[in-house]
Amino acid sequence: MRKQKLIVIGAFAATCAALIAGCAQMTAGSGNPDADALALMKSSFTSQGPVSVEAVLNPDDAMKTCSHYEGKVPDAVARQIEATEMKSIEPPSDGKYLGDWQRGELVAQAGAGMQFSDKVGAANGGNCYACHQISPKEISYGNIGPSLLHYGKLRGTSEPVVQYTWGKIYDAAAYNACSLMPRFGHNRVLTEQQMKDVVALLLDPASPVNQ
């Protein structure tokens, strides 16, 4: 029994020593805790599949600002972020915003993509149902975002509504600086055609969303 206790104590001591060594590496760096922590993470992780360590550890200005303020940015800063992001929204290359709502439903249902285990170049999904109610036929959905049921039926399909819907999908931060919604177009999560199809899912009168 005594021998077993000594083995356990020895293992615990070794673990503590490893943790202390790790902390020492961080504290013995440049003197800037944030920079040292970032350097440690860069040395600990590697890019794999479509996941890039550089992209994860070096977010763009909007993400940096939102993280700095923990999502609670001052109004003036939020308006600046939104104005900058609005300029980044690109309209469809052919000027047509609506695709195929049936394909859009498939995009909304699909949750695959942007994970280290995915193949590079494989199509991503929108995983829209994780946050929104959309089609009445789907009974499993999240409520982090607002319900989109009857989206087009309630709002119509005027040019401003169509462009707003496209813009919201393309870069939600253009309308809500630190939105939790992915910036599907800005970050190239979805293709142009996929975004068109999701717009159609929301706006096409034939879509079940608007029945």
Protein backbone atom coordinates (compact mmCIF):
# COMPACT_ATOMS: atom_id res chain seq x y z
CA MET A 1 0.00 0.00 0.00
CA ARG A 2 2.82 2.38 0.90
CA LYS A 3 4.47 1.69 -2.46
CA GLN A 4 1.23 2.46 -4.30
CA LYS A 5 0.88 5.75 -2.43
CA LEU A 6 4.43 6.71 -3.34
CA ILE A 7 3.73 5.94 -7.00
CA VAL A 8 0.57 8.12 -6.96
CA ILE A 9 2.40 10.95 -5.20
CA GLY A 10 5.24 10.68 -7.68
CA ALA A 11 2.85 10.85 -10.65
CA PHE A 12 1.09 13.85 -9.13
CA ALA A 13 4.42 15.61 -8.55
CA ALA A 14 5.44 14.96 -12.15
CA THR A 15 2.17 16.45 -13.40
CA CYS A 16 2.63 19.53 -11.24
CA ALA A 17 6.19 19.90 -12.48
CA ALA A 18 4.96 19.78 -16.08
CA LEU A 19 2.32 22.43 -15.40
CA ILE A 20 4.85 24.66 -13.65
CA ALA A 21 7.23 24.25 -16.56
CA GLY A 22 4.49 25.26 -18.98
CA CYS A 23 3.63 28.32 -16.92
CA ALA A 24 7.31 29.18 -16.68
CA GLN A 25 7.59 29.11 -20.45
CA MET A 26 4.73 31.59 -20.68
CA THR A 27 6.01 33.90 -17.96
CA ALA A 28 9.57 33.80 -19.22
CA GLY A 29 8.57 35.25 -22.57
CA SER A 30 8.35 38.81 -23.79
CA GLY A 31 6.65 40.15 -20.70
CA ASN A 32 3.42 40.60 -22.65
CA PRO A 33 1.00 37.91 -21.35
CA ASP A 34 -1.30 38.14 -24.40
CA ALA A 35 1.57 37.80 -26.86
CA ASP A 36 3.12 34.96 -24.88
CA ALA A 37 -0.19 33.09 -24.69
CA LEU A 38 -0.68 33.53 -28.45
CA ALA A 39 2.83 32.24 -29.15
CA LEU A 40 2.21 29.22 -26.91
CA MET A 41 -1.04 28.39 -28.71
CA LYS A 42 0.63 28.73 -32.11
CA SER A 43 3.29 26.27 -31.04
CA SER A 44 0.73 23.84 -29.61
CA PHE A 45 -1.70 23.55 -32.54
CA THR A 46 -1.30 22.77 -36.23
CA SER A 47 -3.46 23.51 -39.25
CA GLN A 48 -5.44 20.54 -40.51
CA GLY A 49 -7.96 20.19 -43.30
CA PRO A 50 -9.84 23.46 -43.87
CA VAL A 51 -8.97 24.71 -40.38
CA SER A 52 -6.08 27.16 -40.34
CA VAL A 53 -4.39 28.03 -37.06
CA GLU A 54 -3.54 31.46 -38.44
CA ALA A 55 -7.17 32.16 -39.28
CA VAL A 56 -8.31 31.07 -35.81
CA LEU A 57 -5.65 32.94 -33.85
CA ASN A 58 -5.60 36.04 -36.06
CA PRO A 59 -9.23 37.17 -36.47
CA ASP A 60 -10.09 40.23 -38.54
CA ASP A 61 -10.59 43.68 -37.04
CA ALA A 62 -14.32 43.23 -36.40
CA MET A 63 -13.80 40.02 -34.46
CA LYS A 64 -10.88 41.49 -32.52
CA THR A 65 -12.95 44.50 -31.50
CA CYS A 66 -15.95 42.40 -30.46
CA SER A 67 -13.68 40.11 -28.44
CA HIS A 68 -11.99 43.08 -26.80
CA TYR A 69 -15.33 44.45 -25.62
CA GLU A 70 -16.70 40.94 -24.99
CA GLY A 71 -19.52 41.68 -27.43
CA LYS A 72 -20.66 44.81 -25.57
CA VAL A 73 -19.15 47.42 -27.84
CA PRO A 74 -19.91 51.14 -27.44
CA ASP A 75 -22.50 52.40 -29.90
CA ALA A 76 -20.00 54.54 -31.81
CA VAL A 77 -17.63 51.60 -32.25
CA ALA A 78 -20.50 49.32 -33.30
CA ARG A 79 -21.62 51.78 -35.96
CA GLN A 80 -18.06 51.96 -37.28
CA ILE A 81 -17.85 48.16 -37.53
CA GLU A 82 -21.21 47.99 -39.32
CA ALA A 83 -20.21 50.68 -41.81
CA THR A 84 -16.96 48.89 -42.61
CA GLU A 85 -18.64 45.51 -42.97
CA MET A 86 -21.41 46.95 -45.14
CA LYS A 87 -18.78 48.04 -47.67
CA SER A 88 -17.51 44.47 -47.88
CA ILE A 89 -20.83 42.98 -49.03
CA GLU A 90 -20.63 41.84 -52.64
CA PRO A 91 -23.84 41.44 -54.67
CA PRO A 92 -24.31 38.31 -56.79
CA SER A 93 -22.00 38.37 -59.80
CA ASP A 94 -24.94 38.03 -62.20
CA GLY A 95 -27.23 40.42 -60.32
CA LYS A 96 -29.72 37.64 -59.51
CA TYR A 97 -30.38 37.15 -55.79
CA LEU A 98 -32.83 34.25 -55.78
CA GLY A 99 -31.78 30.68 -56.47
CA ASP A 100 -33.61 27.41 -55.85
CA TRP A 101 -35.48 27.20 -52.53
CA GLN A 102 -35.31 23.39 -52.55
CA ARG A 103 -31.54 23.49 -52.65
CA GLY A 104 -31.71 26.25 -50.06
CA GLU A 105 -33.52 23.90 -47.68
CA LEU A 106 -30.69 21.39 -48.08
CA VAL A 107 -28.14 24.10 -47.26
CA ALA A 108 -30.15 25.18 -44.22
CA GLN A 109 -30.34 21.59 -42.96
CA ALA A 110 -26.68 20.74 -43.54
CA GLY A 111 -24.34 21.25 -40.59
CA ALA A 112 -21.11 19.88 -42.03
CA GLY A 113 -18.07 21.92 -42.88
CA MET A 114 -15.24 24.07 -41.51
CA GLN A 115 -13.97 21.28 -39.24
CA PHE A 116 -10.45 19.85 -39.24
CA SER A 117 -11.82 16.43 -40.25
CA ASP A 118 -13.50 17.77 -43.42
CA LYS A 119 -11.89 17.57 -46.84
CA VAL A 120 -10.42 20.77 -48.19
CA GLY A 121 -12.77 22.19 -50.82
CA ALA A 122 -15.79 20.19 -49.67
CA ALA A 123 -19.11 22.06 -49.62
CA ASN A 124 -20.12 23.56 -46.28
CA GLY A 125 -23.61 23.65 -44.87
CA GLY A 126 -25.42 26.62 -43.39
CA ASN A 127 -26.71 24.80 -40.29
CA CYS A 128 -29.45 27.45 -40.20
CA TYR A 129 -31.86 25.34 -38.16
CA ALA A 130 -29.41 25.34 -35.26
CA CYS A 131 -30.52 28.91 -34.54
CA HIS A 132 -33.77 29.55 -36.46
CA GLN A 133 -37.20 28.17 -37.11
CA ILE A 134 -37.58 28.19 -40.89
CA SER A 135 -39.81 25.64 -42.61
CA PRO A 136 -42.91 24.55 -40.66
CA LYS A 137 -42.18 20.95 -41.65
CA GLU A 138 -39.03 20.92 -39.53
CA ILE A 139 -39.87 20.51 -35.85
CA SER A 140 -36.27 20.51 -34.58
CA TYR A 141 -34.70 23.97 -34.51
CA GLY A 142 -32.87 26.39 -32.24
CA ASN A 143 -34.06 29.71 -30.89
CA ILE A 144 -30.83 31.69 -30.58
CA GLY A 145 -31.99 33.66 -33.62
CA PRO A 146 -35.48 34.87 -34.49
CA SER A 147 -38.04 32.68 -36.21
CA LEU A 148 -37.91 33.02 -39.99
CA LEU A 149 -41.24 31.32 -40.58
CA HIS A 150 -43.31 33.28 -43.15
CA TYR A 151 -40.25 35.47 -43.75
CA GLY A 152 -41.14 36.54 -47.29
CA LYS A 153 -44.89 36.42 -46.69
CA LEU A 154 -44.55 39.03 -43.95
CA ARG A 155 -41.93 41.24 -45.58
CA GLY A 156 -42.67 40.96 -49.29
CA THR A 157 -40.10 40.65 -52.04
CA SER A 158 -39.29 44.27 -52.82
CA GLU A 159 -35.76 45.08 -53.98
CA PRO A 160 -34.73 46.51 -50.56
CA VAL A 161 -35.99 43.37 -48.78
CA VAL A 162 -34.17 41.08 -51.23
CA GLN A 163 -30.93 43.03 -50.89
CA TYR A 164 -31.22 43.15 -47.10
CA THR A 165 -31.77 39.38 -46.94
CA TRP A 166 -28.74 38.77 -49.14
CA GLY A 167 -26.65 41.19 -47.09
CA LYS A 168 -27.69 39.65 -43.78
CA ILE A 169 -26.61 36.22 -44.98
CA TYR A 170 -23.43 37.56 -46.55
CA ASP A 171 -22.27 39.54 -43.51
CA ALA A 172 -24.56 39.84 -40.50
CA ALA A 173 -22.05 42.16 -38.80
CA ALA A 174 -23.03 44.86 -41.30
CA TYR A 175 -26.39 45.09 -39.52
CA ASN A 176 -25.45 44.03 -35.99
CA ALA A 177 -21.78 44.60 -35.23
CA CYS A 178 -21.16 41.62 -32.97
CA SER A 179 -23.89 39.32 -34.25
CA LEU A 180 -23.56 35.64 -33.38
CA MET A 181 -24.64 34.77 -36.91
CA PRO A 182 -21.80 33.50 -39.13
CA ARG A 183 -20.67 35.84 -41.90
CA PHE A 184 -21.33 33.30 -44.61
CA GLY A 185 -20.18 35.35 -47.59
CA HIS A 186 -17.53 37.49 -45.92
CA ASN A 187 -15.71 34.40 -44.61
CA ARG A 188 -16.45 32.30 -47.70
CA VAL A 189 -18.36 29.71 -45.67
CA LEU A 190 -21.07 29.38 -48.33
CA THR A 191 -20.71 29.81 -52.07
CA GLU A 192 -22.58 32.49 -53.99
CA GLN A 193 -25.02 29.89 -55.31
CA GLN A 194 -25.66 28.48 -51.84
CA MET A 195 -26.49 31.95 -50.52
CA LYS A 196 -28.83 32.54 -53.46
CA ASP A 197 -30.59 29.30 -52.64
CA VAL A 198 -31.03 30.27 -48.98
CA VAL A 199 -32.42 33.66 -50.05
CA ALA A 200 -34.92 31.79 -52.22
CA LEU A 201 -35.85 29.55 -49.30
CA LEU A 202 -36.77 32.65 -47.32
CA LEU A 203 -38.41 34.72 -50.06
CA ASP A 204 -39.78 32.51 -52.83
CA PRO A 205 -43.61 32.41 -52.59
CA ALA A 206 -43.46 28.69 -53.47
CA SER A 207 -41.20 27.92 -50.53
CA PRO A 208 -42.86 26.14 -47.59
CA VAL A 209 -41.53 28.97 -45.44
CA ASN A 210 -44.14 31.27 -46.97
CA GLN A 211 -47.15 28.93 -47.05
